Amino acid sequence: MESGRAQAFVLDDILLAGQIANARNPKDFVIAGESLRTENQSLTFRKDDPAFKALVDRVVSGMMKSGEMEKLYNKWFMSPIPPKGININYPLNAETKEAFANPSSKGI
């Protein structure tokens, strides 16, 4: 896109935001329209370790409910990050806000 050989590019929103943030002139680009699909991320671990799952659930749910997870998100996606000090500038989406407000271990 920077070379002018394309007018549009389709990719996951967060990856597009990273590409834009690393462009020579980030203000030349915009993520247009609605997201084609939203998928929240998850943790994976052995299913035969209920004690470990309980620990992970307690820590991650606690971070979500306390606001710590949103602070971490803002640190990495809404603030300049090392080593180049680039800000991806990708606000938290509604689905992730909902997941932070109501943590669960159900799949999507």
PDB file of N, CA and C in Angstrom:
ATOM      1  N   MET A   1       0.822  -1.183   0.000  1.00  0.00           N
ATOM      2  CA  MET A   1       0.000   0.000   0.000  1.00  0.00           C
ATOM      3  C   MET A   1       0.874   1.257   0.000  1.00  0.00           C
ATOM      4  N   GLU A   2       1.955   1.238   0.735  1.00  0.00           N
ATOM      5  CA  GLU A   2       2.817   2.425   0.770  1.00  0.00           C
ATOM      6  C   GLU A   2       3.403   2.750  -0.601  1.00  0.00           C
ATOM      7  N   SER A   3       3.612   1.721  -1.404  1.00  0.00           N
ATOM      8  CA  SER A   3       4.192   1.954  -2.732  1.00  0.00           C
ATOM      9  C   SER A   3       3.137   2.411  -3.743  1.00  0.00           C
ATOM     10  N   GLY A   4       1.853   2.344  -3.359  1.00  0.00           N
ATOM     11  CA  GLY A   4       0.791   2.765  -4.263  1.00  0.00           C
ATOM     12  C   GLY A   4       0.295   1.677  -5.196  1.00  0.00           C
ATOM     13  N   ARG A   5       0.793   0.450  -5.034  1.00  0.00           N
ATOM     14  CA  ARG A   5       0.372  -0.635  -5.917  1.00  0.00           C
ATOM     15  C   ARG A   5      -0.959  -1.241  -5.508  1.00  0.00           C
ATOM     16  N   ALA A   6      -1.478  -0.873  -4.334  1.00  0.00           N
ATOM     17  CA  ALA A   6      -2.773  -1.387  -3.883  1.00  0.00           C
ATOM     18  C   ALA A   6      -3.543  -0.260  -3.208  1.00  0.00           C
ATOM     19  N   GLN A   7      -4.862  -0.337  -3.281  1.00  0.00           N
ATOM     20  CA  GLN A   7      -5.720   0.665  -2.652  1.00  0.00           C
ATOM     21  C   GLN A   7      -6.322   0.167  -1.351  1.00  0.00           C
ATOM     22  N   ALA A   8      -6.294  -1.154  -1.143  1.00  0.00           N
ATOM     23  CA  ALA A   8      -6.892  -1.732   0.061  1.00  0.00           C
ATOM     24  C   ALA A   8      -6.154  -3.021   0.404  1.00  0.00           C
ATOM     25  N   PHE A   9      -6.290  -3.422   1.666  1.00  0.00           N
ATOM     26  CA  PHE A   9      -5.611  -4.610   2.159  1.00  0.00           C
ATOM     27  C   PHE A   9      -6.457  -5.182   3.284  1.00  0.00           C
ATOM     28  N   VAL A  10      -6.701  -6.486   3.263  1.00  0.00           N
ATOM     29  CA  VAL A  10      -7.530  -7.130   4.286  1.00  0.00           C
ATOM     30  C   VAL A  10      -6.645  -7.988   5.184  1.00  0.00           C
ATOM     31  N   LEU A  11      -6.807  -7.791   6.493  1.00  0.00           N
ATOM     32  CA  LEU A  11      -6.041  -8.525   7.500  1.00  0.00           C
ATOM     33  C   LEU A  11      -6.747  -8.321   8.826  1.00  0.00           C
ATOM     34  N   ASP A  12      -6.413  -9.108   9.850  1.00  0.00           N
ATOM     35  CA  ASP A  12      -6.975  -8.889  11.184  1.00  0.00           C
ATOM     36  C   ASP A  12      -6.755  -7.438  11.591  1.00  0.00           C
ATOM     37  N   ASP A  13      -7.747  -6.845  12.245  1.00  0.00           N
ATOM     38  CA  ASP A  13      -7.670  -5.438  12.629  1.00  0.00           C
ATOM     39  C   ASP A  13      -6.409  -5.099  13.416  1.00  0.00           C
ATOM     40  N   ILE A  14      -6.077  -5.918  14.396  1.00  0.00           N
ATOM     41  CA  ILE A  14      -4.926  -5.614  15.244  1.00  0.00           C
ATOM     42  C   ILE A  14      -3.628  -5.669  14.436  1.00  0.00           C
ATOM     43  N   LEU A  15      -3.546  -6.602  13.484  1.00  0.00           N
ATOM     44  CA  LEU A  15      -2.359  -6.674  12.634  1.00  0.00           C
ATOM     45  C   LEU A  15      -2.307  -5.478  11.682  1.00  0.00           C
ATOM     46  N   LEU A  16      -3.477  -5.055  11.186  1.00  0.00           N
ATOM     47  CA  LEU A  16      -3.522  -3.853  10.350  1.00  0.00           C
ATOM     48  C   LEU A  16      -3.047  -2.637  11.148  1.00  0.00           C
ATOM     49  N   ALA A  17      -3.509  -2.532  12.389  1.00  0.00           N
ATOM     50  CA  ALA A  17      -3.100  -1.406  13.234  1.00  0.00           C
ATOM     51  C   ALA A  17      -1.589  -1.392  13.419  1.00  0.00           C
ATOM     52  N   GLY A  18      -0.994  -2.562  13.580  1.00  0.00           N
ATOM     53  CA  GLY A  18       0.456  -2.656  13.698  1.00  0.00           C
ATOM     54  C   GLY A  18       1.160  -2.236  12.421  1.00  0.00           C
ATOM     55  N   GLN A  19       0.623  -2.643  11.277  1.00  0.00           N
ATOM     56  CA  GLN A  19       1.201  -2.251   9.994  1.00  0.00           C
ATOM     57  C   GLN A  19       1.126  -0.731   9.807  1.00  0.00           C
ATOM     58  N   ILE A  20      -0.019  -0.163  10.158  1.00  0.00           N
ATOM     59  CA  ILE A  20      -0.192   1.289  10.035  1.00  0.00           C
ATOM     60  C   ILE A  20       0.786   2.016  10.954  1.00  0.00           C
ATOM     61  N   ALA A  21       0.887   1.556  12.198  1.00  0.00           N
ATOM     62  CA  ALA A  21       1.777   2.208  13.169  1.00  0.00           C
ATOM     63  C   ALA A  21       3.227   2.197  12.698  1.00  0.00           C
ATOM     64  N   ASN A  22       3.617   1.182  11.944  1.00  0.00           N
ATOM     65  CA  ASN A  22       4.995   1.065  11.471  1.00  0.00           C
ATOM     66  C   ASN A  22       5.222   1.686  10.092  1.00  0.00           C
ATOM     67  N   ALA A  23       4.186   2.245   9.490  1.00  0.00           N
ATOM     68  CA  ALA A  23       4.322   2.873   8.173  1.00  0.00           C
ATOM     69  C   ALA A  23       5.115   4.178   8.275  1.00  0.00           C
ATOM     70  N   ARG A  24       5.688   4.607   7.152  1.00  0.00           N
ATOM     71  CA  ARG A  24       6.428   5.882   7.138  1.00  0.00           C
ATOM     72  C   ARG A  24       5.511   7.043   7.532  1.00  0.00           C
ATOM     73  N   ASN A  25       4.268   7.011   7.033  1.00  0.00           N
ATOM     74  CA  ASN A  25       3.288   8.069   7.329  1.00  0.00           C
ATOM     75  C   ASN A  25       1.980   7.422   7.796  1.00  0.00           C
ATOM     76  N   PRO A  26       1.906   7.035   9.067  1.00  0.00           N
ATOM     77  CA  PRO A  26       0.713   6.326   9.557  1.00  0.00           C
ATOM     78  C   PRO A  26      -0.601   7.073   9.303  1.00  0.00           C
ATOM     79  N   LYS A  27      -0.564   8.391   9.285  1.00  0.00           N
ATOM     80  CA  LYS A  27      -1.804   9.159   9.083  1.00  0.00           C
ATOM     81  C   LYS A  27      -2.357   9.019   7.670  1.00  0.00           C
ATOM     82  N   ASP A  28      -1.576   8.420   6.770  1.00  0.00           N
ATOM     83  CA  ASP A  28      -2.043   8.194   5.400  1.00  0.00           C
ATOM     84  C   ASP A  28      -3.003   7.006   5.306  1.00  0.00           C
ATOM     85  N   PHE A  29      -3.130   6.233   6.397  1.00  0.00           N
ATOM     86  CA  PHE A  29      -3.910   4.996   6.353  1.00  0.00           C
ATOM     87  C   PHE A  29      -5.007   4.990   7.405  1.00  0.00           C
ATOM     88  N   VAL A  30      -6.064   4.232   7.105  1.00  0.00           N
ATOM     89  CA  VAL A  30      -7.184   4.098   8.032  1.00  0.00           C
ATOM     90  C   VAL A  30      -7.737   2.676   7.935  1.00  0.00           C
ATOM     91  N   ILE A  31      -8.207   2.157   9.047  1.00  0.00           N
ATOM     92  CA  ILE A  31      -8.937   0.890   9.041  1.00  0.00           C
ATOM     93  C   ILE A  31     -10.391   1.267   8.799  1.00  0.00           C
ATOM     94  N   ALA A  32     -10.915   0.874   7.649  1.00  0.00           N
ATOM     95  CA  ALA A  32     -12.240   1.323   7.221  1.00  0.00           C
ATOM     96  C   ALA A  32     -13.310   0.266   7.469  1.00  0.00           C
ATOM     97  N   GLY A  33     -14.493   0.745   7.775  1.00  0.00           N
ATOM     98  CA  GLY A  33     -15.649  -0.146   7.900  1.00  0.00           C
ATOM     99  C   GLY A  33     -15.615  -0.998   9.144  1.00  0.00           C
ATOM    100  N   GLU A  34     -16.557  -1.903   9.196  1.00  0.00           N
ATOM    101  CA  GLU A  34     -16.670  -2.806  10.342  1.00  0.00           C
ATOM    102  C   GLU A  34     -15.673  -3.942  10.213  1.00  0.00           C
ATOM    103  N   SER A  35     -15.317  -4.491  11.351  1.00  0.00           N
ATOM    104  CA  SER A  35     -14.432  -5.645  11.374  1.00  0.00           C
ATOM    105  C   SER A  35     -15.138  -6.822  10.710  1.00  0.00           C
ATOM    106  N   LEU A  36     -14.405  -7.589   9.943  1.00  0.00           N
ATOM    107  CA  LEU A  36     -14.998  -8.756   9.296  1.00  0.00           C
ATOM    108  C   LEU A  36     -15.293  -9.863  10.305  1.00  0.00           C
ATOM    109  N   ARG A  37     -14.491  -9.911  11.364  1.00  0.00           N
ATOM    110  CA  ARG A  37     -14.696 -10.924  12.392  1.00  0.00           C
ATOM    111  C   ARG A  37     -13.899 -10.531  13.630  1.00  0.00           C
ATOM    112  N   THR A  38     -14.467 -10.804  14.797  1.00  0.00           N
ATOM    113  CA  THR A  38     -13.770 -10.526  16.044  1.00  0.00           C
ATOM    114  C   THR A  38     -13.549 -11.838  16.771  1.00  0.00           C
ATOM    115  N   GLU A  39     -12.328 -12.076  17.154  1.00  0.00           N
ATOM    116  CA  GLU A  39     -12.010 -13.272  17.928  1.00  0.00           C
ATOM    117  C   GLU A  39     -11.158 -12.878  19.119  1.00  0.00           C
ATOM    118  N   ASN A  40     -11.694 -13.050  20.304  1.00  0.00           N
ATOM    119  CA  ASN A  40     -10.887 -12.805  21.485  1.00  0.00           C
ATOM    120  C   ASN A  40      -9.861 -13.921  21.628  1.00  0.00           C
ATOM    121  N   GLN A  41      -8.766 -13.590  22.241  1.00  0.00           N
ATOM    122  CA  GLN A  41      -7.697 -14.557  22.445  1.00  0.00           C
ATOM    123  C   GLN A  41      -7.975 -15.373  23.710  1.00  0.00           C
ATOM    124  N   SER A  42      -7.273 -16.475  23.842  1.00  0.00           N
ATOM    125  CA  SER A  42      -7.473 -17.303  25.025  1.00  0.00           C
ATOM    126  C   SER A  42      -6.160 -17.946  25.434  1.00  0.00           C
ATOM    127  N   LEU A  43      -6.186 -18.532  26.595  1.00  0.00           N
ATOM    128  CA  LEU A  43      -5.040 -19.286  27.103  1.00  0.00           C
ATOM    129  C   LEU A  43      -5.306 -20.767  26.890  1.00  0.00           C
ATOM    130  N   THR A  44      -4.283 -21.510  26.610  1.00  0.00           N
ATOM    131  CA  THR A  44      -4.425 -22.954  26.441  1.00  0.00           C
ATOM    132  C   THR A  44      -3.443 -23.658  27.360  1.00  0.00           C
ATOM    133  N   PHE A  45      -3.915 -24.713  27.975  1.00  0.00           N
ATOM    134  CA  PHE A  45      -3.059 -25.509  28.844  1.00  0.00           C
ATOM    135  C   PHE A  45      -3.669 -26.894  28.975  1.00  0.00           C
ATOM    136  N   ARG A  46      -2.937 -27.795  29.594  1.00  0.00           N
ATOM    137  CA  ARG A  46      -3.409 -29.182  29.733  1.00  0.00           C
ATOM    138  C   ARG A  46      -4.762 -29.237  30.433  1.00  0.00           C
ATOM    139  N   LYS A  47      -5.677 -30.046  29.906  1.00  0.00           N
ATOM    140  CA  LYS A  47      -6.996 -30.118  30.518  1.00  0.00           C
ATOM    141  C   LYS A  47      -7.051 -31.072  31.713  1.00  0.00           C
ATOM    142  N   ASP A  48      -5.987 -31.832  31.941  1.00  0.00           N
ATOM    143  CA  ASP A  48      -5.995 -32.775  33.056  1.00  0.00           C
ATOM    144  C   ASP A  48      -5.295 -32.208  34.299  1.00  0.00           C
ATOM    145  N   ASP A  49      -5.271 -30.877  34.424  1.00  0.00           N
ATOM    146  CA  ASP A  49      -4.645 -30.241  35.586  1.00  0.00           C
ATOM    147  C   ASP A  49      -5.612 -29.212  36.177  1.00  0.00           C
ATOM    148  N   PRO A  50      -6.648 -29.682  36.901  1.00  0.00           N
ATOM    149  CA  PRO A  50      -7.665 -28.764  37.417  1.00  0.00           C
ATOM    150  C   PRO A  50      -7.110 -27.738  38.416  1.00  0.00           C
ATOM    151  N   ALA A  51      -6.066 -28.086  39.140  1.00  0.00           N
ATOM    152  CA  ALA A  51      -5.485 -27.129  40.089  1.00  0.00           C
ATOM    153  C   ALA A  51      -4.857 -25.955  39.344  1.00  0.00           C
ATOM    154  N   PHE A  52      -4.160 -26.255  38.244  1.00  0.00           N
ATOM    155  CA  PHE A  52      -3.553 -25.190  37.459  1.00  0.00           C
ATOM    156  C   PHE A  52      -4.630 -24.331  36.804  1.00  0.00           C
ATOM    157  N   LYS A  53      -5.689 -24.955  36.275  1.00  0.00           N
ATOM    158  CA  LYS A  53      -6.790 -24.204  35.670  1.00  0.00           C
ATOM    159  C   LYS A  53      -7.424 -23.266  36.693  1.00  0.00           C
ATOM    160  N   ALA A  54      -7.623 -23.768  37.914  1.00  0.00           N
ATOM    161  CA  ALA A  54      -8.211 -22.927  38.962  1.00  0.00           C
ATOM    162  C   ALA A  54      -7.320 -21.720  39.260  1.00  0.00           C
ATOM    163  N   LEU A  55      -6.012 -21.931  39.299  1.00  0.00           N
ATOM    164  CA  LEU A  55      -5.072 -20.830  39.525  1.00  0.00           C
ATOM    165  C   LEU A  55      -5.146 -19.813  38.389  1.00  0.00           C
ATOM    166  N   VAL A  56      -5.096 -20.299  37.145  1.00  0.00           N
ATOM    167  CA  VAL A  56      -5.169 -19.408  35.985  1.00  0.00           C
ATOM    168  C   VAL A  56      -6.489 -18.639  35.993  1.00  0.00           C
ATOM    169  N   ASP A  57      -7.594 -19.344  36.216  1.00  0.00           N
ATOM    170  CA  ASP A  57      -8.904 -18.686  36.253  1.00  0.00           C
ATOM    171  C   ASP A  57      -8.936 -17.594  37.318  1.00  0.00           C
ATOM    172  N   ARG A  58      -8.419 -17.891  38.503  1.00  0.00           N
ATOM    173  CA  ARG A  58      -8.437 -16.932  39.605  1.00  0.00           C
ATOM    174  C   ARG A  58      -7.594 -15.691  39.267  1.00  0.00           C
ATOM    175  N   VAL A  59      -6.384 -15.908  38.759  1.00  0.00           N
ATOM    176  CA  VAL A  59      -5.494 -14.783  38.460  1.00  0.00           C
ATOM    177  C   VAL A  59      -6.023 -13.950  37.299  1.00  0.00           C
ATOM    178  N   VAL A  60      -6.368 -14.593  36.191  1.00  0.00           N
ATOM    179  CA  VAL A  60      -6.815 -13.854  35.007  1.00  0.00           C
ATOM    180  C   VAL A  60      -8.153 -13.160  35.277  1.00  0.00           C
ATOM    181  N   SER A  61      -9.098 -13.850  35.901  1.00  0.00           N
ATOM    182  CA  SER A  61     -10.388 -13.223  36.230  1.00  0.00           C
ATOM    183  C   SER A  61     -10.185 -12.042  37.168  1.00  0.00           C
ATOM    184  N   GLY A  62      -9.308 -12.215  38.138  1.00  0.00           N
ATOM    185  CA  GLY A  62      -9.013 -11.117  39.061  1.00  0.00           C
ATOM    186  C   GLY A  62      -8.437  -9.909  38.339  1.00  0.00           C
ATOM    187  N   MET A  63      -7.528 -10.161  37.387  1.00  0.00           N
ATOM    188  CA  MET A  63      -6.945  -9.060  36.608  1.00  0.00           C
ATOM    189  C   MET A  63      -8.009  -8.366  35.764  1.00  0.00           C
ATOM    190  N   MET A  64      -8.935  -9.141  35.205  1.00  0.00           N
ATOM    191  CA  MET A  64      -9.998  -8.551  34.394  1.00  0.00           C
ATOM    192  C   MET A  64     -10.930  -7.706  35.258  1.00  0.00           C
ATOM    193  N   LYS A  65     -11.353  -8.253  36.378  1.00  0.00           N
ATOM    194  CA  LYS A  65     -12.312  -7.554  37.238  1.00  0.00           C
ATOM    195  C   LYS A  65     -11.707  -6.320  37.906  1.00  0.00           C
ATOM    196  N   SER A  66     -10.417  -6.367  38.224  1.00  0.00           N
ATOM    197  CA  SER A  66      -9.776  -5.239  38.914  1.00  0.00           C
ATOM    198  C   SER A  66      -9.419  -4.087  37.985  1.00  0.00           C
ATOM    199  N   GLY A  67      -9.453  -4.332  36.675  1.00  0.00           N
ATOM    200  CA  GLY A  67      -9.048  -3.307  35.721  1.00  0.00           C
ATOM    201  C   GLY A  67      -7.587  -3.429  35.297  1.00  0.00           C
ATOM    202  N   GLU A  68      -6.838  -4.340  35.927  1.00  0.00           N
ATOM    203  CA  GLU A  68      -5.439  -4.527  35.590  1.00  0.00           C
ATOM    204  C   GLU A  68      -5.257  -4.995  34.142  1.00  0.00           C
ATOM    205  N   MET A  69      -6.140  -5.855  33.653  1.00  0.00           N
ATOM    206  CA  MET A  69      -6.026  -6.347  32.276  1.00  0.00           C
ATOM    207  C   MET A  69      -6.207  -5.201  31.284  1.00  0.00           C
ATOM    208  N   GLU A  70      -7.145  -4.298  31.558  1.00  0.00           N
ATOM    209  CA  GLU A  70      -7.333  -3.152  30.666  1.00  0.00           C
ATOM    210  C   GLU A  70      -6.120  -2.221  30.720  1.00  0.00           C
ATOM    211  N   LYS A  71      -5.519  -2.056  31.889  1.00  0.00           N
ATOM    212  CA  LYS A  71      -4.289  -1.245  31.996  1.00  0.00           C
ATOM    213  C   LYS A  71      -3.178  -1.865  31.151  1.00  0.00           C
ATOM    214  N   LEU A  72      -3.021  -3.178  31.204  1.00  0.00           N
ATOM    215  CA  LEU A  72      -2.012  -3.851  30.389  1.00  0.00           C
ATOM    216  C   LEU A  72      -2.310  -3.684  28.905  1.00  0.00           C
ATOM    217  N   TYR A  73      -3.582  -3.815  28.543  1.00  0.00           N
ATOM    218  CA  TYR A  73      -3.973  -3.622  27.146  1.00  0.00           C
ATOM    219  C   TYR A  73      -3.572  -2.217  26.686  1.00  0.00           C
ATOM    220  N   ASN A  74      -3.917  -1.224  27.491  1.00  0.00           N
ATOM    221  CA  ASN A  74      -3.592   0.158  27.127  1.00  0.00           C
ATOM    222  C   ASN A  74      -2.090   0.381  27.024  1.00  0.00           C
ATOM    223  N   LYS A  75      -1.325  -0.277  27.890  1.00  0.00           N
ATOM    224  CA  LYS A  75       0.132  -0.152  27.838  1.00  0.00           C
ATOM    225  C   LYS A  75       0.674  -0.650  26.501  1.00  0.00           C
ATOM    226  N   TRP A  76       0.156  -1.766  26.007  1.00  0.00           N
ATOM    227  CA  TRP A  76       0.720  -2.394  24.803  1.00  0.00           C
ATOM    228  C   TRP A  76       0.043  -1.993  23.502  1.00  0.00           C
ATOM    229  N   PHE A  77      -1.202  -1.505  23.558  1.00  0.00           N
ATOM    230  CA  PHE A  77      -1.915  -1.197  22.322  1.00  0.00           C
ATOM    231  C   PHE A  77      -2.343   0.265  22.183  1.00  0.00           C
ATOM    232  N   MET A  78      -2.202   1.060  23.256  1.00  0.00           N
ATOM    233  CA  MET A  78      -2.614   2.467  23.202  1.00  0.00           C
ATOM    234  C   MET A  78      -1.507   3.423  23.647  1.00  0.00           C
ATOM    235  N   SER A  79      -0.307   2.916  23.838  1.00  0.00           N
ATOM    236  CA  SER A  79       0.819   3.724  24.293  1.00  0.00           C
ATOM    237  C   SER A  79       2.057   3.360  23.479  1.00  0.00           C
ATOM    238  N   PRO A  80       3.042   4.267  23.434  1.00  0.00           N
ATOM    239  CA  PRO A  80       4.289   3.932  22.737  1.00  0.00           C
ATOM    240  C   PRO A  80       4.965   2.715  23.382  1.00  0.00           C
ATOM    241  N   ILE A  81       5.430   1.785  22.548  1.00  0.00           N
ATOM    242  CA  ILE A  81       6.078   0.584  23.067  1.00  0.00           C
ATOM    243  C   ILE A  81       7.511   0.481  22.559  1.00  0.00           C
ATOM    244  N   PRO A  82       8.360  -0.120  23.367  1.00  0.00           N
ATOM    245  CA  PRO A  82       9.758  -0.288  22.958  1.00  0.00           C
ATOM    246  C   PRO A  82       9.866  -1.318  21.836  1.00  0.00           C
ATOM    247  N   PRO A  83      10.908  -1.341  21.086  1.00  0.00           N
ATOM    248  CA  PRO A  83      12.087  -0.483  21.233  1.00  0.00           C
ATOM    249  C   PRO A  83      11.975   0.807  20.430  1.00  0.00           C
ATOM    250  N   LYS A  84      10.991   0.911  19.531  1.00  0.00           N
ATOM    251  CA  LYS A  84      10.911   2.071  18.637  1.00  0.00           C
ATOM    252  C   LYS A  84       9.985   3.168  19.152  1.00  0.00           C
ATOM    253  N   GLY A  85       9.259   2.907  20.238  1.00  0.00           N
ATOM    254  CA  GLY A  85       8.324   3.901  20.759  1.00  0.00           C
ATOM    255  C   GLY A  85       7.102   4.087  19.877  1.00  0.00           C
ATOM    256  N   ILE A  86       6.723   3.039  19.146  1.00  0.00           N
ATOM    257  CA  ILE A  86       5.570   3.117  18.240  1.00  0.00           C
ATOM    258  C   ILE A  86       4.286   2.838  19.010  1.00  0.00           C
ATOM    259  N   ASN A  87       3.264   3.640  18.748  1.00  0.00           N
ATOM    260  CA  ASN A  87       1.954   3.446  19.351  1.00  0.00           C
ATOM    261  C   ASN A  87       1.039   2.795  18.321  1.00  0.00           C
ATOM    262  N   ILE A  88       0.585   1.583  18.596  1.00  0.00           N
ATOM    263  CA  ILE A  88      -0.320   0.882  17.675  1.00  0.00           C
ATOM    264  C   ILE A  88      -1.668   1.591  17.619  1.00  0.00           C
ATOM    265  N   ASN A  89      -2.062   2.231  18.725  1.00  0.00           N
ATOM    266  CA  ASN A  89      -3.281   3.027  18.772  1.00  0.00           C
ATOM    267  C   ASN A  89      -4.502   2.219  18.336  1.00  0.00           C
ATOM    268  N   TYR A  90      -4.707   1.101  19.008  1.00  0.00           N
ATOM    269  CA  TYR A  90      -5.835   0.220  18.683  1.00  0.00           C
ATOM    270  C   TYR A  90      -6.717   0.070  19.928  1.00  0.00           C
ATOM    271  N   PRO A  91      -7.808   0.831  20.005  1.00  0.00           N
ATOM    272  CA  PRO A  91      -8.668   0.805  21.195  1.00  0.00           C
ATOM    273  C   PRO A  91      -9.306  -0.569  21.437  1.00  0.00           C
ATOM    274  N   LEU A  92      -9.581  -0.821  22.671  1.00  0.00           N
ATOM    275  CA  LEU A  92     -10.250  -2.044  23.105  1.00  0.00           C
ATOM    276  C   LEU A  92     -11.607  -2.147  22.414  1.00  0.00           C
ATOM    277  N   ASN A  93     -11.923  -3.309  21.813  1.00  0.00           N
ATOM    278  CA  ASN A  93     -13.220  -3.462  21.145  1.00  0.00           C
ATOM    279  C   ASN A  93     -14.302  -3.869  22.143  1.00  0.00           C
ATOM    280  N   ALA A  94     -15.542  -3.757  21.727  1.00  0.00           N
ATOM    281  CA  ALA A  94     -16.683  -4.024  22.608  1.00  0.00           C
ATOM    282  C   ALA A  94     -16.682  -5.460  23.122  1.00  0.00           C
ATOM    283  N   GLU A  95     -16.318  -6.405  22.275  1.00  0.00           N
ATOM    284  CA  GLU A  95     -16.317  -7.805  22.687  1.00  0.00           C
ATOM    285  C   GLU A  95     -15.285  -8.070  23.786  1.00  0.00           C
ATOM    286  N   THR A  96     -14.122  -7.452  23.676  1.00  0.00           N
ATOM    287  CA  THR A  96     -13.097  -7.651  24.688  1.00  0.00           C
ATOM    288  C   THR A  96     -13.481  -6.939  25.978  1.00  0.00           C
ATOM    289  N   LYS A  97     -14.082  -5.753  25.870  1.00  0.00           N
ATOM    290  CA  LYS A  97     -14.572  -5.062  27.074  1.00  0.00           C
ATOM    291  C   LYS A  97     -15.581  -5.948  27.799  1.00  0.00           C
ATOM    292  N   GLU A  98     -16.471  -6.567  27.037  1.00  0.00           N
ATOM    293  CA  GLU A  98     -17.475  -7.468  27.623  1.00  0.00           C
ATOM    294  C   GLU A  98     -16.803  -8.662  28.291  1.00  0.00           C
ATOM    295  N   ALA A  99     -15.790  -9.232  27.630  1.00  0.00           N
ATOM    296  CA  ALA A  99     -15.069 -10.373  28.210  1.00  0.00           C
ATOM    297  C   ALA A  99     -14.349  -9.966  29.484  1.00  0.00           C
ATOM    298  N   PHE A 100     -13.782  -8.768  29.526  1.00  0.00           N
ATOM    299  CA  PHE A 100     -13.111  -8.293  30.741  1.00  0.00           C
ATOM    300  C   PHE A 100     -14.123  -8.102  31.863  1.00  0.00           C
ATOM    301  N   ALA A 101     -15.318  -7.608  31.534  1.00  0.00           N
ATOM    302  CA  ALA A 101     -16.344  -7.356  32.537  1.00  0.00           C
ATOM    303  C   ALA A 101     -16.960  -8.654  33.049  1.00  0.00           C
ATOM    304  N   ASN A 102     -17.013  -9.680  32.206  1.00  0.00           N
ATOM    305  CA  ASN A 102     -17.648 -10.952  32.558  1.00  0.00           C
ATOM    306  C   ASN A 102     -16.763 -12.129  32.156  1.00  0.00           C
ATOM    307  N   PRO A 103     -15.652 -12.310  32.873  1.00  0.00           N
ATOM    308  CA  PRO A 103     -14.731 -13.389  32.486  1.00  0.00           C
ATOM    309  C   PRO A 103     -15.397 -14.771  32.595  1.00  0.00           C
ATOM    310  N   SER A 104     -15.031 -15.654  31.694  1.00  0.00           N
ATOM    311  CA  SER A 104     -15.531 -17.034  31.743  1.00  0.00           C
ATOM    312  C   SER A 104     -14.526 -17.941  31.068  1.00  0.00           C
ATOM    313  N   SER A 105     -14.700 -19.225  31.235  1.00  0.00           N
ATOM    314  CA  SER A 105     -13.799 -20.164  30.561  1.00  0.00           C
ATOM    315  C   SER A 105     -14.527 -20.889  29.430  1.00  0.00           C
ATOM    316  N   LYS A 106     -15.669 -20.340  29.009  1.00  0.00           N
ATOM    317  CA  LYS A 106     -16.379 -20.941  27.874  1.00  0.00           C
ATOM    318  C   LYS A 106     -15.709 -20.520  26.578  1.00  0.00           C
ATOM    319  N   GLY A 107     -15.770 -21.367  25.611  1.00  0.00           N
ATOM    320  CA  GLY A 107     -15.202 -21.045  24.296  1.00  0.00           C
ATOM    321  C   GLY A 107     -16.148 -20.194  23.489  1.00  0.00           C
ATOM    322  N   ILE A 108     -15.662 -19.752  22.326  1.00  0.00           N
ATOM    323  CA  ILE A 108     -16.535 -18.958  21.469  1.00  0.00           C
ATOM    324  C   ILE A 108     -17.181 -19.842  20.415  1.00  0.00           C
TER     325      ILE A 108
END
